[in-house]
Amino acid sequence: MKIQCLLATVMLVGGAPAMAKKNVDAGTPAQVQKLIGCRAITDPAQRLACFDRESSGIEQAIAKKDLVVVDREQARATRRSLFGFSLPGFGGLFGDDGEESVKQIESTVASSVRNGDGGWTVRLADNTTWMQTDDTPLGLSPKPGQKVVVRRGSMGSYYLSVNRQPGFKVKRVG
């Protein structure tokens, strides 16, 4: 009888972290899932030991760069800095906090040059570089300091507008 009671207790305590894991987002790293699973342990000493063990594992993973912690603002900044690049899905790496993706960025012209095909290559103040991919003429050449808006178009296209002139189609090259 004692063995059955002990076995039932071990199964209950041992299975509690597994049951708690089901409520955790599937994209949550295993180390964090284990830490969250500690909350389900009812015995205070065992729960504390679990938290100590798992938090130590997380600390070591962060130190070895096996686990990187990114706050919401860092994720937003990263999404913005990658605007214009065609990247594969990273499974929420930069946060999928319900926000819509970046639709446009605003900056100023740092420099601009004519391409060999007559289009423009424009470097912005944020060090991103955009190259014209269509033959839309500009009324006035882009000059340093002028306001620029790069907006997302349809089917992966982007449009750059300098100083409120009509936009031209571009791709990000740097």
C-alpha atoms as a PDB file:
ATOM      1  CA  MET A   1       0.000   0.000   0.000  1.00  0.00           C
ATOM      2  CA  LYS A   2       2.838   2.370   0.890  1.00  0.00           C
ATOM      3  CA  ILE A   3       4.541   1.639  -2.433  1.00  0.00           C
ATOM      4  CA  GLN A   4       1.351   2.414  -4.379  1.00  0.00           C
ATOM      5  CA  CYS A   5       0.899   5.676  -2.456  1.00  0.00           C
ATOM      6  CA  LEU A   6       4.541   6.626  -3.040  1.00  0.00           C
ATOM      7  CA  LEU A   7       4.275   5.737  -6.732  1.00  0.00           C
ATOM      8  CA  ALA A   8       1.098   7.827  -7.094  1.00  0.00           C
ATOM      9  CA  THR A   9       2.816  10.790  -5.393  1.00  0.00           C
ATOM     10  CA  VAL A  10       5.875  10.522  -7.649  1.00  0.00           C
ATOM     11  CA  MET A  11       3.663  10.329 -10.732  1.00  0.00           C
ATOM     12  CA  LEU A  12       1.636  13.326  -9.565  1.00  0.00           C
ATOM     13  CA  VAL A  13       4.671  15.474  -8.720  1.00  0.00           C
ATOM     14  CA  GLY A  14       6.678  14.242 -11.694  1.00  0.00           C
ATOM     15  CA  GLY A  15       3.781  14.704 -14.090  1.00  0.00           C
ATOM     16  CA  ALA A  16       2.837  18.187 -12.875  1.00  0.00           C
ATOM     17  CA  PRO A  17       5.638  19.959 -14.751  1.00  0.00           C
ATOM     18  CA  ALA A  18       4.682  18.091 -17.905  1.00  0.00           C
ATOM     19  CA  MET A  19       1.053  19.144 -17.477  1.00  0.00           C
ATOM     20  CA  ALA A  20       2.146  22.759 -16.906  1.00  0.00           C
ATOM     21  CA  LYS A  21       4.208  22.658 -20.109  1.00  0.00           C
ATOM     22  CA  LYS A  22       1.091  22.112 -22.188  1.00  0.00           C
ATOM     23  CA  ASN A  23      -0.099  25.610 -21.268  1.00  0.00           C
ATOM     24  CA  VAL A  24       3.189  27.220 -22.329  1.00  0.00           C
ATOM     25  CA  ASP A  25       3.616  28.524 -25.865  1.00  0.00           C
ATOM     26  CA  ALA A  26       5.245  25.941 -28.136  1.00  0.00           C
ATOM     27  CA  GLY A  27       7.817  28.580 -29.180  1.00  0.00           C
ATOM     28  CA  THR A  28       9.075  28.946 -25.619  1.00  0.00           C
ATOM     29  CA  PRO A  29      12.601  27.511 -25.178  1.00  0.00           C
ATOM     30  CA  ALA A  30      12.856  24.225 -23.292  1.00  0.00           C
ATOM     31  CA  GLN A  31      14.891  25.833 -20.483  1.00  0.00           C
ATOM     32  CA  VAL A  32      12.113  28.351 -19.836  1.00  0.00           C
ATOM     33  CA  GLN A  33       9.425  25.669 -20.059  1.00  0.00           C
ATOM     34  CA  LYS A  34      11.247  23.690 -17.367  1.00  0.00           C
ATOM     35  CA  LEU A  35      11.419  26.768 -15.136  1.00  0.00           C
ATOM     36  CA  ILE A  36       7.707  27.451 -15.592  1.00  0.00           C
ATOM     37  CA  GLY A  37       7.020  23.787 -14.868  1.00  0.00           C
ATOM     38  CA  CYS A  38       8.511  24.281 -11.392  1.00  0.00           C
ATOM     39  CA  ARG A  39       5.448  26.309 -10.407  1.00  0.00           C
ATOM     40  CA  ALA A  40       3.323  23.169 -10.494  1.00  0.00           C
ATOM     41  CA  ILE A  41       5.327  21.499  -7.697  1.00  0.00           C
ATOM     42  CA  THR A  42       3.360  21.803  -4.451  1.00  0.00           C
ATOM     43  CA  ASP A  43       6.085  20.928  -1.934  1.00  0.00           C
ATOM     44  CA  PRO A  44       7.858  24.243  -1.149  1.00  0.00           C
ATOM     45  CA  ALA A  45      11.314  22.685  -0.730  1.00  0.00           C
ATOM     46  CA  GLN A  46      11.054  20.729  -3.986  1.00  0.00           C
ATOM     47  CA  ARG A  47       9.653  23.776  -5.810  1.00  0.00           C
ATOM     48  CA  LEU A  48      12.526  25.959  -4.554  1.00  0.00           C
ATOM     49  CA  ALA A  49      15.069  23.308  -5.541  1.00  0.00           C
ATOM     50  CA  CYS A  50      13.460  23.121  -8.989  1.00  0.00           C
ATOM     51  CA  PHE A  51      13.547  26.926  -9.406  1.00  0.00           C
ATOM     52  CA  ASP A  52      17.180  27.053  -8.263  1.00  0.00           C
ATOM     53  CA  ARG A  53      18.198  24.244 -10.624  1.00  0.00           C
ATOM     54  CA  GLU A  54      16.323  25.570 -13.657  1.00  0.00           C
ATOM     55  CA  SER A  55      17.228  29.239 -13.145  1.00  0.00           C
ATOM     56  CA  SER A  56      20.873  28.204 -12.879  1.00  0.00           C
ATOM     57  CA  GLY A  57      20.488  26.352 -16.187  1.00  0.00           C
ATOM     58  CA  ILE A  58      18.976  29.444 -17.800  1.00  0.00           C
ATOM     59  CA  GLU A  59      21.769  31.629 -16.430  1.00  0.00           C
ATOM     60  CA  GLN A  60      24.386  29.265 -17.898  1.00  0.00           C
ATOM     61  CA  ALA A  61      22.573  29.129 -21.256  1.00  0.00           C
ATOM     62  CA  ILE A  62      22.494  32.944 -21.415  1.00  0.00           C
ATOM     63  CA  ALA A  63      26.200  33.138 -20.531  1.00  0.00           C
ATOM     64  CA  LYS A  64      27.046  30.640 -23.310  1.00  0.00           C
ATOM     65  CA  LYS A  65      24.735  32.495 -25.752  1.00  0.00           C
ATOM     66  CA  ASP A  66      22.636  29.332 -26.145  1.00  0.00           C
ATOM     67  CA  LEU A  67      19.663  31.376 -24.958  1.00  0.00           C
ATOM     68  CA  VAL A  68      19.146  35.039 -25.817  1.00  0.00           C
ATOM     69  CA  VAL A  69      16.588  37.168 -24.036  1.00  0.00           C
ATOM     70  CA  VAL A  70      15.081  39.965 -26.120  1.00  0.00           C
ATOM     71  CA  ASP A  71      12.575  42.448 -24.765  1.00  0.00           C
ATOM     72  CA  ARG A  72       9.689  43.829 -26.807  1.00  0.00           C
ATOM     73  CA  GLU A  73      11.480  47.085 -27.667  1.00  0.00           C
ATOM     74  CA  GLN A  74      14.540  45.202 -28.952  1.00  0.00           C
ATOM     75  CA  ALA A  75      12.269  42.999 -31.068  1.00  0.00           C
ATOM     76  CA  ARG A  76      10.567  46.070 -32.553  1.00  0.00           C
ATOM     77  CA  ALA A  77      13.913  47.702 -33.321  1.00  0.00           C
ATOM     78  CA  THR A  78      15.132  44.512 -34.998  1.00  0.00           C
ATOM     79  CA  ARG A  79      11.967  44.206 -37.099  1.00  0.00           C
ATOM     80  CA  ARG A  80      12.386  47.815 -38.186  1.00  0.00           C
ATOM     81  CA  SER A  81      16.083  47.359 -39.040  1.00  0.00           C
ATOM     82  CA  LEU A  82      15.231  44.339 -41.215  1.00  0.00           C
ATOM     83  CA  PHE A  83      12.466  46.197 -43.107  1.00  0.00           C
ATOM     84  CA  GLY A  84      12.930  45.622 -46.825  1.00  0.00           C
ATOM     85  CA  PHE A  85      14.859  42.381 -46.649  1.00  0.00           C
ATOM     86  CA  SER A  86      13.254  39.145 -47.802  1.00  0.00           C
ATOM     87  CA  LEU A  87      13.847  36.823 -44.893  1.00  0.00           C
ATOM     88  CA  PRO A  88      12.472  33.406 -44.048  1.00  0.00           C
ATOM     89  CA  GLY A  89      10.092  33.124 -41.132  1.00  0.00           C
ATOM     90  CA  PHE A  90      11.984  32.881 -37.882  1.00  0.00           C
ATOM     91  CA  GLY A  91       9.134  31.391 -35.863  1.00  0.00           C
ATOM     92  CA  GLY A  92       8.548  34.506 -33.783  1.00  0.00           C
ATOM     93  CA  LEU A  93      12.255  35.084 -33.128  1.00  0.00           C
ATOM     94  CA  PHE A  94      11.764  38.841 -33.137  1.00  0.00           C
ATOM     95  CA  GLY A  95       8.483  38.640 -31.305  1.00  0.00           C
ATOM     96  CA  ASP A  96       5.024  38.013 -32.572  1.00  0.00           C
ATOM     97  CA  ASP A  97       3.236  40.184 -30.085  1.00  0.00           C
ATOM     98  CA  GLY A  98       0.117  40.665 -32.156  1.00  0.00           C
ATOM     99  CA  GLU A  99       1.460  43.815 -33.750  1.00  0.00           C
ATOM    100  CA  GLU A 100       1.257  44.213 -37.463  1.00  0.00           C
ATOM    101  CA  SER A 101       4.554  44.115 -39.283  1.00  0.00           C
ATOM    102  CA  VAL A 102       6.316  47.353 -40.158  1.00  0.00           C
ATOM    103  CA  LYS A 103       4.416  48.978 -43.048  1.00  0.00           C
ATOM    104  CA  GLN A 104       6.769  51.880 -43.689  1.00  0.00           C
ATOM    105  CA  ILE A 105       9.834  53.642 -42.379  1.00  0.00           C
ATOM    106  CA  GLU A 106      10.658  57.326 -42.347  1.00  0.00           C
ATOM    107  CA  SER A 107      14.172  58.710 -42.491  1.00  0.00           C
ATOM    108  CA  THR A 108      16.256  61.269 -44.357  1.00  0.00           C
ATOM    109  CA  VAL A 109      18.591  61.025 -47.331  1.00  0.00           C
ATOM    110  CA  ALA A 110      22.238  60.598 -46.319  1.00  0.00           C
ATOM    111  CA  SER A 111      23.492  60.309 -49.907  1.00  0.00           C
ATOM    112  CA  SER A 112      22.267  59.403 -53.369  1.00  0.00           C
ATOM    113  CA  VAL A 113      23.906  58.419 -56.648  1.00  0.00           C
ATOM    114  CA  ARG A 114      22.727  57.594 -60.150  1.00  0.00           C
ATOM    115  CA  ASN A 115      22.917  53.932 -61.151  1.00  0.00           C
ATOM    116  CA  GLY A 116      24.391  52.838 -64.446  1.00  0.00           C
ATOM    117  CA  ASP A 117      20.838  52.302 -65.736  1.00  0.00           C
ATOM    118  CA  GLY A 118      19.717  55.840 -64.860  1.00  0.00           C
ATOM    119  CA  GLY A 119      17.926  54.938 -61.630  1.00  0.00           C
ATOM    120  CA  TRP A 120      18.853  55.993 -58.118  1.00  0.00           C
ATOM    121  CA  THR A 121      20.618  54.362 -55.207  1.00  0.00           C
ATOM    122  CA  VAL A 122      19.696  56.149 -51.996  1.00  0.00           C
ATOM    123  CA  ARG A 123      21.408  55.669 -48.631  1.00  0.00           C
ATOM    124  CA  LEU A 124      19.308  56.759 -45.676  1.00  0.00           C
ATOM    125  CA  ALA A 125      20.351  58.239 -42.341  1.00  0.00           C
ATOM    126  CA  ASP A 126      19.738  54.842 -40.692  1.00  0.00           C
ATOM    127  CA  ASN A 127      22.421  53.344 -43.010  1.00  0.00           C
ATOM    128  CA  THR A 128      19.957  51.356 -45.108  1.00  0.00           C
ATOM    129  CA  THR A 129      20.516  51.475 -48.871  1.00  0.00           C
ATOM    130  CA  TRP A 130      17.744  51.276 -51.455  1.00  0.00           C
ATOM    131  CA  MET A 131      18.132  50.868 -55.222  1.00  0.00           C
ATOM    132  CA  GLN A 132      15.533  51.922 -57.776  1.00  0.00           C
ATOM    133  CA  THR A 133      14.127  48.991 -59.769  1.00  0.00           C
ATOM    134  CA  ASP A 134      11.770  50.783 -62.144  1.00  0.00           C
ATOM    135  CA  ASP A 135      12.176  53.660 -64.597  1.00  0.00           C
ATOM    136  CA  THR A 136       9.961  56.211 -62.827  1.00  0.00           C
ATOM    137  CA  PRO A 137      11.586  59.639 -63.270  1.00  0.00           C
ATOM    138  CA  LEU A 138      12.056  61.960 -60.314  1.00  0.00           C
ATOM    139  CA  GLY A 139      11.211  65.644 -60.653  1.00  0.00           C
ATOM    140  CA  LEU A 140      14.019  66.627 -58.279  1.00  0.00           C
ATOM    141  CA  SER A 141      17.147  64.654 -57.410  1.00  0.00           C
ATOM    142  CA  PRO A 142      17.362  63.277 -53.848  1.00  0.00           C
ATOM    143  CA  LYS A 143      19.549  65.542 -51.713  1.00  0.00           C
ATOM    144  CA  PRO A 144      21.039  64.891 -48.257  1.00  0.00           C
ATOM    145  CA  GLY A 145      18.681  65.850 -45.454  1.00  0.00           C
ATOM    146  CA  GLN A 146      15.468  65.454 -47.462  1.00  0.00           C
ATOM    147  CA  LYS A 147      12.676  63.453 -45.869  1.00  0.00           C
ATOM    148  CA  VAL A 148      12.188  59.904 -47.185  1.00  0.00           C
ATOM    149  CA  VAL A 149       9.332  57.449 -46.716  1.00  0.00           C
ATOM    150  CA  VAL A 150       9.796  53.825 -47.748  1.00  0.00           C
ATOM    151  CA  ARG A 151       6.520  51.922 -47.730  1.00  0.00           C
ATOM    152  CA  ARG A 152       5.657  48.309 -48.314  1.00  0.00           C
ATOM    153  CA  GLY A 153       3.781  47.643 -51.555  1.00  0.00           C
ATOM    154  CA  SER A 154       2.031  44.516 -52.720  1.00  0.00           C
ATOM    155  CA  MET A 155       3.690  41.182 -53.443  1.00  0.00           C
ATOM    156  CA  GLY A 156       6.938  42.031 -51.661  1.00  0.00           C
ATOM    157  CA  SER A 157       7.551  45.350 -53.387  1.00  0.00           C
ATOM    158  CA  TYR A 158       8.682  48.614 -51.781  1.00  0.00           C
ATOM    159  CA  TYR A 159       8.275  52.241 -52.818  1.00  0.00           C
ATOM    160  CA  LEU A 160      10.525  55.129 -51.859  1.00  0.00           C
ATOM    161  CA  SER A 161       9.262  58.693 -51.852  1.00  0.00           C
ATOM    162  CA  VAL A 162      11.642  61.637 -51.471  1.00  0.00           C
ATOM    163  CA  ASN A 163      10.365  64.983 -50.239  1.00  0.00           C
ATOM    164  CA  ARG A 164       6.721  64.055 -50.956  1.00  0.00           C
ATOM    165  CA  GLN A 165       7.370  63.379 -54.633  1.00  0.00           C
ATOM    166  CA  PRO A 166       5.644  60.388 -56.220  1.00  0.00           C
ATOM    167  CA  GLY A 167       7.356  57.200 -55.114  1.00  0.00           C
ATOM    168  CA  PHE A 168       9.450  54.872 -57.221  1.00  0.00           C
ATOM    169  CA  LYS A 169       9.903  51.133 -56.851  1.00  0.00           C
ATOM    170  CA  VAL A 170      12.996  50.046 -54.901  1.00  0.00           C
ATOM    171  CA  LYS A 171      14.686  47.053 -53.335  1.00  0.00           C
ATOM    172  CA  ARG A 172      16.868  47.071 -50.277  1.00  0.00           C
ATOM    173  CA  VAL A 173      20.501  46.341 -51.049  1.00  0.00           C
ATOM    174  CA  GLY A 174      22.123  47.198 -47.746  1.00  0.00           C
END
